[in-house]
């Protein structure tokens, strides 16, 4: 199943509101997701799973990256051929 990990940098102190926005936005989509705040270089980690890789791309590009107070993102798509090694 197509899977993407999205690492997000946010404005200082905005992690909780961004996580709430992500949950609100993704609750209307037909995808599985996990979102957590983290310590380190990035502030939030988002894992997205869908039957359609193009749908993941559209959601990341047109919805997640446009959330207010998100400074930058780094997206990593899982290599599906290696999932069952």
PDB file of N, CA and C in Angstrom:
ATOM      1  N   UNK A   1       0.848  -1.176   0.000  1.00  0.00           N
ATOM      2  CA  UNK A   1       0.000   0.000   0.000  1.00  0.00           C
ATOM      3  C   UNK A   1       0.892   1.237   0.000  1.00  0.00           C
ATOM      4  N   UNK A   2       0.655   2.184  -0.898  1.00  0.00           N
ATOM      5  CA  UNK A   2       1.458   3.399  -0.918  1.00  0.00           C
ATOM      6  C   UNK A   2       1.461   4.098   0.443  1.00  0.00           C
ATOM      7  N   UNK A   3       2.681   4.419   0.902  1.00  0.00           N
ATOM      8  CA  UNK A   3       2.869   5.033   2.212  1.00  0.00           C
ATOM      9  C   UNK A   3       3.816   6.210   2.076  1.00  0.00           C
ATOM     10  N   UNK A   4       3.513   7.293   2.783  1.00  0.00           N
ATOM     11  CA  UNK A   4       4.385   8.461   2.796  1.00  0.00           C
ATOM     12  C   UNK A   4       4.600   8.898   4.235  1.00  0.00           C
ATOM     13  N   UNK A   5       5.823   9.308   4.517  1.00  0.00           N
ATOM     14  CA  UNK A   5       6.157   9.944   5.790  1.00  0.00           C
ATOM     15  C   UNK A   5       6.438  11.410   5.477  1.00  0.00           C
ATOM     16  N   UNK A   6       5.776  12.295   6.203  1.00  0.00           N
ATOM     17  CA  UNK A   6       5.964  13.725   5.993  1.00  0.00           C
ATOM     18  C   UNK A   6       6.497  14.317   7.293  1.00  0.00           C
ATOM     19  N   UNK A   7       7.677  14.944   7.217  1.00  0.00           N
ATOM     20  CA  UNK A   7       8.267  15.629   8.363  1.00  0.00           C
ATOM     21  C   UNK A   7       7.967  17.111   8.203  1.00  0.00           C
ATOM     22  N   UNK A   8       7.444  17.732   9.258  1.00  0.00           N
ATOM     23  CA  UNK A   8       7.036  19.127   9.174  1.00  0.00           C
ATOM     24  C   UNK A   8       7.798  19.985  10.174  1.00  0.00           C
ATOM     25  N   UNK A   9       8.215  21.161   9.727  1.00  0.00           N
ATOM     26  CA  UNK A   9       8.726  22.211  10.603  1.00  0.00           C
ATOM     27  C   UNK A   9       7.625  23.245  10.746  1.00  0.00           C
ATOM     28  N   UNK A  10       7.422  23.716  11.982  1.00  0.00           N
ATOM     29  CA  UNK A  10       6.336  24.655  12.232  1.00  0.00           C
ATOM     30  C   UNK A  10       6.843  25.888  12.958  1.00  0.00           C
ATOM     31  N   UNK A  11       6.013  26.919  12.960  1.00  0.00           N
ATOM     32  CA  UNK A  11       6.317  28.098  13.760  1.00  0.00           C
ATOM     33  C   UNK A  11       6.348  27.691  15.229  1.00  0.00           C
ATOM     34  N   UNK A  12       7.159  28.366  16.010  1.00  0.00           N
ATOM     35  CA  UNK A  12       7.307  28.069  17.426  1.00  0.00           C
ATOM     36  C   UNK A  12       5.956  28.101  18.145  1.00  0.00           C
ATOM     37  N   UNK A  13       5.644  27.021  18.847  1.00  0.00           N
ATOM     38  CA  UNK A  13       4.428  26.947  19.639  1.00  0.00           C
ATOM     39  C   UNK A  13       3.157  26.633  18.873  1.00  0.00           C
ATOM     40  N   UNK A  14       3.270  26.298  17.602  1.00  0.00           N
ATOM     41  CA  UNK A  14       2.069  26.049  16.795  1.00  0.00           C
ATOM     42  C   UNK A  14       1.813  24.570  16.526  1.00  0.00           C
ATOM     43  N   UNK A  15       2.601  23.690  17.147  1.00  0.00           N
ATOM     44  CA  UNK A  15       2.491  22.253  16.858  1.00  0.00           C
ATOM     45  C   UNK A  15       1.082  21.717  17.094  1.00  0.00           C
ATOM     46  N   UNK A  16       0.496  22.047  18.240  1.00  0.00           N
ATOM     47  CA  UNK A  16      -0.815  21.490  18.576  1.00  0.00           C
ATOM     48  C   UNK A  16      -1.889  21.942  17.599  1.00  0.00           C
ATOM     49  N   UNK A  17      -1.858  23.200  17.186  1.00  0.00           N
ATOM     50  CA  UNK A  17      -2.876  23.677  16.246  1.00  0.00           C
ATOM     51  C   UNK A  17      -2.688  23.038  14.868  1.00  0.00           C
ATOM     52  N   UNK A  18      -1.447  22.820  14.468  1.00  0.00           N
ATOM     53  CA  UNK A  18      -1.196  22.169  13.178  1.00  0.00           C
ATOM     54  C   UNK A  18      -1.668  20.718  13.224  1.00  0.00           C
ATOM     55  N   UNK A  19      -1.380  20.018  14.308  1.00  0.00           N
ATOM     56  CA  UNK A  19      -1.838  18.629  14.446  1.00  0.00           C
ATOM     57  C   UNK A  19      -3.358  18.576  14.395  1.00  0.00           C
ATOM     58  N   UNK A  20      -4.030  19.506  15.061  1.00  0.00           N
ATOM     59  CA  UNK A  20      -5.502  19.564  15.003  1.00  0.00           C
ATOM     60  C   UNK A  20      -5.982  19.814  13.577  1.00  0.00           C
ATOM     61  N   UNK A  21      -5.311  20.722  12.860  1.00  0.00           N
ATOM     62  CA  UNK A  21      -5.686  21.003  11.471  1.00  0.00           C
ATOM     63  C   UNK A  21      -5.505  19.766  10.598  1.00  0.00           C
ATOM     64  N   UNK A  22      -4.398  19.055  10.791  1.00  0.00           N
ATOM     65  CA  UNK A  22      -4.146  17.837  10.022  1.00  0.00           C
ATOM     66  C   UNK A  22      -5.251  16.820  10.266  1.00  0.00           C
ATOM     67  N   UNK A  23      -5.602  16.612  11.523  1.00  0.00           N
ATOM     68  CA  UNK A  23      -6.655  15.646  11.853  1.00  0.00           C
ATOM     69  C   UNK A  23      -7.988  16.053  11.227  1.00  0.00           C
ATOM     70  N   UNK A  24      -8.299  17.343  11.264  1.00  0.00           N
ATOM     71  CA  UNK A  24      -9.560  17.829  10.685  1.00  0.00           C
ATOM     72  C   UNK A  24      -9.562  17.613   9.176  1.00  0.00           C
ATOM     73  N   UNK A  25      -8.471  17.974   8.524  1.00  0.00           N
ATOM     74  CA  UNK A  25      -8.379  17.843   7.067  1.00  0.00           C
ATOM     75  C   UNK A  25      -8.443  16.376   6.638  1.00  0.00           C
ATOM     76  N   UNK A  26      -7.693  15.519   7.312  1.00  0.00           N
ATOM     77  CA  UNK A  26      -7.604  14.119   6.888  1.00  0.00           C
ATOM     78  C   UNK A  26      -8.812  13.294   7.294  1.00  0.00           C
ATOM     79  N   UNK A  27      -9.618  13.779   8.229  1.00  0.00           N
ATOM     80  CA  UNK A  27     -10.817  13.034   8.612  1.00  0.00           C
ATOM     81  C   UNK A  27     -11.824  12.970   7.467  1.00  0.00           C
ATOM     82  N   UNK A  28     -11.711  13.880   6.506  1.00  0.00           N
ATOM     83  CA  UNK A  28     -12.608  13.908   5.349  1.00  0.00           C
ATOM     84  C   UNK A  28     -12.055  13.137   4.153  1.00  0.00           C
ATOM     85  N   UNK A  29     -10.883  12.548   4.308  1.00  0.00           N
ATOM     86  CA  UNK A  29     -10.235  11.813   3.215  1.00  0.00           C
ATOM     87  C   UNK A  29     -10.312  10.311   3.466  1.00  0.00           C
ATOM     88  N   UNK A  30     -10.259   9.542   2.397  1.00  0.00           N
ATOM     89  CA  UNK A  30     -10.296   8.087   2.493  1.00  0.00           C
ATOM     90  C   UNK A  30      -8.873   7.532   2.571  1.00  0.00           C
ATOM     91  N   UNK A  31      -8.173   7.893   3.657  1.00  0.00           N
ATOM     92  CA  UNK A  31      -6.808   7.421   3.869  1.00  0.00           C
ATOM     93  C   UNK A  31      -6.605   7.111   5.343  1.00  0.00           C
ATOM     94  N   UNK A  32      -5.579   6.317   5.615  1.00  0.00           N
ATOM     95  CA  UNK A  32      -5.178   6.065   6.999  1.00  0.00           C
ATOM     96  C   UNK A  32      -4.022   7.014   7.319  1.00  0.00           C
ATOM     97  N   UNK A  33      -3.946   7.437   8.576  1.00  0.00           N
ATOM     98  CA  UNK A  33      -2.850   8.326   8.935  1.00  0.00           C
ATOM     99  C   UNK A  33      -2.528   8.220  10.422  1.00  0.00           C
ATOM    100  N   UNK A  34      -1.311   8.615  10.754  1.00  0.00           N
ATOM    101  CA  UNK A  34      -0.856   8.797  12.128  1.00  0.00           C
ATOM    102  C   UNK A  34      -0.114  10.116  12.155  1.00  0.00           C
ATOM    103  N   UNK A  35      -0.319  10.900  13.208  1.00  0.00           N
ATOM    104  CA  UNK A  35       0.387  12.171  13.324  1.00  0.00           C
ATOM    105  C   UNK A  35       0.843  12.345  14.768  1.00  0.00           C
ATOM    106  N   UNK A  36       2.102  12.776  14.934  1.00  0.00           N
ATOM    107  CA  UNK A  36       2.664  12.942  16.270  1.00  0.00           C
ATOM    108  C   UNK A  36       3.631  14.112  16.284  1.00  0.00           C
ATOM    109  N   UNK A  37       3.647  14.831  17.406  1.00  0.00           N
ATOM    110  CA  UNK A  37       4.669  15.830  17.635  1.00  0.00           C
ATOM    111  C   UNK A  37       5.933  15.133  18.097  1.00  0.00           C
ATOM    112  N   UNK A  38       7.087  15.644  17.693  1.00  0.00           N
ATOM    113  CA  UNK A  38       8.367  15.020  18.037  1.00  0.00           C
ATOM    114  C   UNK A  38       9.388  16.085  18.428  1.00  0.00           C
ATOM    115  N   UNK A  39      10.410  15.651  19.156  1.00  0.00           N
ATOM    116  CA  UNK A  39      11.558  16.498  19.458  1.00  0.00           C
ATOM    117  C   UNK A  39      12.625  16.253  18.401  1.00  0.00           C
ATOM    118  N   UNK A  40      13.375  17.276  18.084  1.00  0.00           N
ATOM    119  CA  UNK A  40      14.471  17.116  17.130  1.00  0.00           C
ATOM    120  C   UNK A  40      14.428  18.175  16.056  1.00  0.00           C
ATOM    121  N   UNK A  41      15.001  17.849  14.915  1.00  0.00           N
ATOM    122  CA  UNK A  41      15.095  18.794  13.809  1.00  0.00           C
ATOM    123  C   UNK A  41      13.710  19.144  13.277  1.00  0.00           C
ATOM    124  N   UNK A  42      12.801  18.187  13.288  1.00  0.00           N
ATOM    125  CA  UNK A  42      11.432  18.417  12.829  1.00  0.00           C
ATOM    126  C   UNK A  42      10.502  18.463  14.026  1.00  0.00           C
ATOM    127  N   UNK A  43       9.312  19.040  13.833  1.00  0.00           N
ATOM    128  CA  UNK A  43       8.362  19.232  14.921  1.00  0.00           C
ATOM    129  C   UNK A  43       7.213  18.232  14.909  1.00  0.00           C
ATOM    130  N   UNK A  44       6.851  17.754  13.723  1.00  0.00           N
ATOM    131  CA  UNK A  44       5.703  16.862  13.561  1.00  0.00           C
ATOM    132  C   UNK A  44       6.064  15.790  12.545  1.00  0.00           C
ATOM    133  N   UNK A  45       5.634  14.551  12.813  1.00  0.00           N
ATOM    134  CA  UNK A  45       5.784  13.452  11.860  1.00  0.00           C
ATOM    135  C   UNK A  45       4.381  12.981  11.488  1.00  0.00           C
ATOM    136  N   UNK A  46       4.144  12.864  10.185  1.00  0.00           N
ATOM    137  CA  UNK A  46       2.857  12.427   9.664  1.00  0.00           C
ATOM    138  C   UNK A  46       3.093  11.214   8.780  1.00  0.00           C
ATOM    139  N   UNK A  47       2.371  10.131   9.062  1.00  0.00           N
ATOM    140  CA  UNK A  47       2.427   8.925   8.228  1.00  0.00           C
ATOM    141  C   UNK A  47       1.086   8.801   7.516  1.00  0.00           C
ATOM    142  N   UNK A  48       1.128   8.670   6.208  1.00  0.00           N
ATOM    143  CA  UNK A  48      -0.078   8.564   5.385  1.00  0.00           C
ATOM    144  C   UNK A  48      -0.070   7.259   4.604  1.00  0.00           C
ATOM    145  N   UNK A  49      -1.211   6.575   4.581  1.00  0.00           N
ATOM    146  CA  UNK A  49      -1.371   5.352   3.800  1.00  0.00           C
ATOM    147  C   UNK A  49      -2.632   5.461   2.949  1.00  0.00           C
ATOM    148  N   UNK A  50      -2.516   5.074   1.690  1.00  0.00           N
ATOM    149  CA  UNK A  50      -3.658   5.117   0.785  1.00  0.00           C
ATOM    150  C   UNK A  50      -3.504   4.024  -0.260  1.00  0.00           C
ATOM    151  N   UNK A  51      -4.582   3.679  -0.889  1.00  0.00           N
ATOM    152  CA  UNK A  51      -4.520   2.727  -1.988  1.00  0.00           C
ATOM    153  C   UNK A  51      -4.002   3.395  -3.258  1.00  0.00           C
ATOM    154  N   UNK A  52      -3.963   4.727  -3.260  1.00  0.00           N
ATOM    155  CA  UNK A  52      -3.627   5.501  -4.445  1.00  0.00           C
ATOM    156  C   UNK A  52      -2.486   6.471  -4.135  1.00  0.00           C
ATOM    157  N   UNK A  53      -1.317   6.242  -4.725  1.00  0.00           N
ATOM    158  CA  UNK A  53      -0.152   7.101  -4.495  1.00  0.00           C
ATOM    159  C   UNK A  53      -0.397   8.525  -4.976  1.00  0.00           C
ATOM    160  N   UNK A  54      -1.133   8.687  -6.052  1.00  0.00           N
ATOM    161  CA  UNK A  54      -1.433  10.024  -6.565  1.00  0.00           C
ATOM    162  C   UNK A  54      -2.284  10.808  -5.563  1.00  0.00           C
ATOM    163  N   UNK A  55      -3.198  10.117  -4.894  1.00  0.00           N
ATOM    164  CA  UNK A  55      -4.024  10.773  -3.877  1.00  0.00           C
ATOM    165  C   UNK A  55      -3.149  11.291  -2.731  1.00  0.00           C
ATOM    166  N   UNK A  56      -2.149  10.514  -2.331  1.00  0.00           N
ATOM    167  CA  UNK A  56      -1.220  10.966  -1.295  1.00  0.00           C
ATOM    168  C   UNK A  56      -0.507  12.234  -1.745  1.00  0.00           C
ATOM    169  N   UNK A  57      -0.023  12.250  -2.970  1.00  0.00           N
ATOM    170  CA  UNK A  57       0.687  13.414  -3.487  1.00  0.00           C
ATOM    171  C   UNK A  57      -0.195  14.657  -3.463  1.00  0.00           C
ATOM    172  N   UNK A  58      -1.432  14.504  -3.887  1.00  0.00           N
ATOM    173  CA  UNK A  58      -2.363  15.639  -3.922  1.00  0.00           C
ATOM    174  C   UNK A  58      -2.651  16.157  -2.510  1.00  0.00           C
ATOM    175  N   UNK A  59      -2.870  15.257  -1.575  1.00  0.00           N
ATOM    176  CA  UNK A  59      -3.158  15.664  -0.196  1.00  0.00           C
ATOM    177  C   UNK A  59      -1.963  16.391   0.410  1.00  0.00           C
ATOM    178  N   UNK A  60      -0.763  15.841   0.212  1.00  0.00           N
ATOM    179  CA  UNK A  60       0.438  16.472   0.772  1.00  0.00           C
ATOM    180  C   UNK A  60       0.662  17.850   0.149  1.00  0.00           C
ATOM    181  N   UNK A  61       0.579  17.922  -1.165  1.00  0.00           N
ATOM    182  CA  UNK A  61       0.871  19.169  -1.872  1.00  0.00           C
ATOM    183  C   UNK A  61      -0.201  20.234  -1.667  1.00  0.00           C
ATOM    184  N   UNK A  62      -1.459  19.856  -1.788  1.00  0.00           N
ATOM    185  CA  UNK A  62      -2.538  20.838  -1.796  1.00  0.00           C
ATOM    186  C   UNK A  62      -3.184  21.087  -0.442  1.00  0.00           C
ATOM    187  N   UNK A  63      -2.941  20.219   0.527  1.00  0.00           N
ATOM    188  CA  UNK A  63      -3.598  20.393   1.822  1.00  0.00           C
ATOM    189  C   UNK A  63      -2.601  20.535   2.964  1.00  0.00           C
ATOM    190  N   UNK A  64      -1.753  19.546   3.170  1.00  0.00           N
ATOM    191  CA  UNK A  64      -0.839  19.563   4.319  1.00  0.00           C
ATOM    192  C   UNK A  64       0.149  20.718   4.211  1.00  0.00           C
ATOM    193  N   UNK A  65       0.763  20.883   3.061  1.00  0.00           N
ATOM    194  CA  UNK A  65       1.792  21.922   2.912  1.00  0.00           C
ATOM    195  C   UNK A  65       1.224  23.325   2.979  1.00  0.00           C
ATOM    196  N   UNK A  66      -0.084  23.475   2.810  1.00  0.00           N
ATOM    197  CA  UNK A  66      -0.706  24.800   2.824  1.00  0.00           C
ATOM    198  C   UNK A  66      -1.300  25.169   4.184  1.00  0.00           C
ATOM    199  N   UNK A  67      -1.117  24.322   5.187  1.00  0.00           N
ATOM    200  CA  UNK A  67      -1.610  24.650   6.525  1.00  0.00           C
ATOM    201  C   UNK A  67      -0.827  25.849   7.053  1.00  0.00           C
ATOM    202  N   UNK A  68      -1.551  26.802   7.627  1.00  0.00           N
ATOM    203  CA  UNK A  68      -0.905  27.997   8.189  1.00  0.00           C
ATOM    204  C   UNK A  68       0.093  27.584   9.266  1.00  0.00           C
ATOM    205  N   UNK A  69       1.195  28.262   9.324  1.00  0.00           N
ATOM    206  CA  UNK A  69       2.259  28.084  10.308  1.00  0.00           C
ATOM    207  C   UNK A  69       3.153  26.870  10.046  1.00  0.00           C
ATOM    208  N   UNK A  70       2.944  26.157   8.934  1.00  0.00           N
ATOM    209  CA  UNK A  70       3.886  25.119   8.517  1.00  0.00           C
ATOM    210  C   UNK A  70       4.974  25.825   7.721  1.00  0.00           C
ATOM    211  N   UNK A  71       6.199  25.769   8.213  1.00  0.00           N
ATOM    212  CA  UNK A  71       7.304  26.460   7.547  1.00  0.00           C
ATOM    213  C   UNK A  71       7.863  25.647   6.388  1.00  0.00           C
ATOM    214  N   UNK A  72       8.035  24.329   6.598  1.00  0.00           N
ATOM    215  CA  UNK A  72       8.597  23.484   5.549  1.00  0.00           C
ATOM    216  C   UNK A  72       8.206  22.040   5.794  1.00  0.00           C
ATOM    217  N   UNK A  73       8.329  21.237   4.743  1.00  0.00           N
ATOM    218  CA  UNK A  73       8.047  19.809   4.848  1.00  0.00           C
ATOM    219  C   UNK A  73       9.131  19.026   4.111  1.00  0.00           C
ATOM    220  N   UNK A  74       9.275  17.775   4.517  1.00  0.00           N
ATOM    221  CA  UNK A  74      10.130  16.819   3.817  1.00  0.00           C
ATOM    222  C   UNK A  74       9.303  15.553   3.681  1.00  0.00           C
ATOM    223  N   UNK A  75       9.059  15.120   2.458  1.00  0.00           N
ATOM    224  CA  UNK A  75       8.230  13.946   2.210  1.00  0.00           C
ATOM    225  C   UNK A  75       9.092  12.788   1.739  1.00  0.00           C
ATOM    226  N   UNK A  76       8.849  11.622   2.318  1.00  0.00           N
ATOM    227  CA  UNK A  76       9.544  10.396   1.930  1.00  0.00           C
ATOM    228  C   UNK A  76       8.488   9.356   1.573  1.00  0.00           C
ATOM    229  N   UNK A  77       8.529   8.882   0.330  1.00  0.00           N
ATOM    230  CA  UNK A  77       7.621   7.832  -0.116  1.00  0.00           C
ATOM    231  C   UNK A  77       8.308   6.481   0.084  1.00  0.00           C
ATOM    232  N   UNK A  78       7.576   5.543   0.653  1.00  0.00           N
ATOM    233  CA  UNK A  78       8.107   4.197   0.871  1.00  0.00           C
ATOM    234  C   UNK A  78       8.250   3.479  -0.460  1.00  0.00           C
ATOM    235  N   UNK A  79       9.342   2.729  -0.626  1.00  0.00           N
ATOM    236  CA  UNK A  79       9.555   1.918  -1.824  1.00  0.00           C
ATOM    237  C   UNK A  79       8.739   0.638  -1.648  1.00  0.00           C
ATOM    238  N   UNK A  80       7.624   0.573  -2.322  1.00  0.00           N
ATOM    239  CA  UNK A  80       6.687  -0.533  -2.125  1.00  0.00           C
ATOM    240  C   UNK A  80       7.288  -1.898  -2.442  1.00  0.00           C
ATOM    241  N   UNK A  81       8.185  -1.958  -3.412  1.00  0.00           N
ATOM    242  CA  UNK A  81       8.779  -3.229  -3.792  1.00  0.00           C
ATOM    243  C   UNK A  81       9.617  -3.838  -2.667  1.00  0.00           C
ATOM    244  N   UNK A  82      10.043  -3.030  -1.707  1.00  0.00           N
ATOM    245  CA  UNK A  82      10.889  -3.505  -0.619  1.00  0.00           C
ATOM    246  C   UNK A  82      10.126  -3.784   0.652  1.00  0.00           C
ATOM    247  N   UNK A  83       8.821  -3.567   0.682  1.00  0.00           N
ATOM    248  CA  UNK A  83       8.038  -3.739   1.891  1.00  0.00           C
ATOM    249  C   UNK A  83       8.043  -5.163   2.422  1.00  0.00           C
ATOM    250  N   UNK A  84       8.099  -6.133   1.543  1.00  0.00           N
ATOM    251  CA  UNK A  84       7.972  -7.533   1.966  1.00  0.00           C
ATOM    252  C   UNK A  84       9.294  -8.300   1.912  1.00  0.00           C
ATOM    253  N   UNK A  85      10.409  -7.615   1.949  1.00  0.00           N
ATOM    254  CA  UNK A  85      11.706  -8.298   1.929  1.00  0.00           C
ATOM    255  C   UNK A  85      11.991  -8.964   3.262  1.00  0.00           C
TER     256      UNK A  85
END
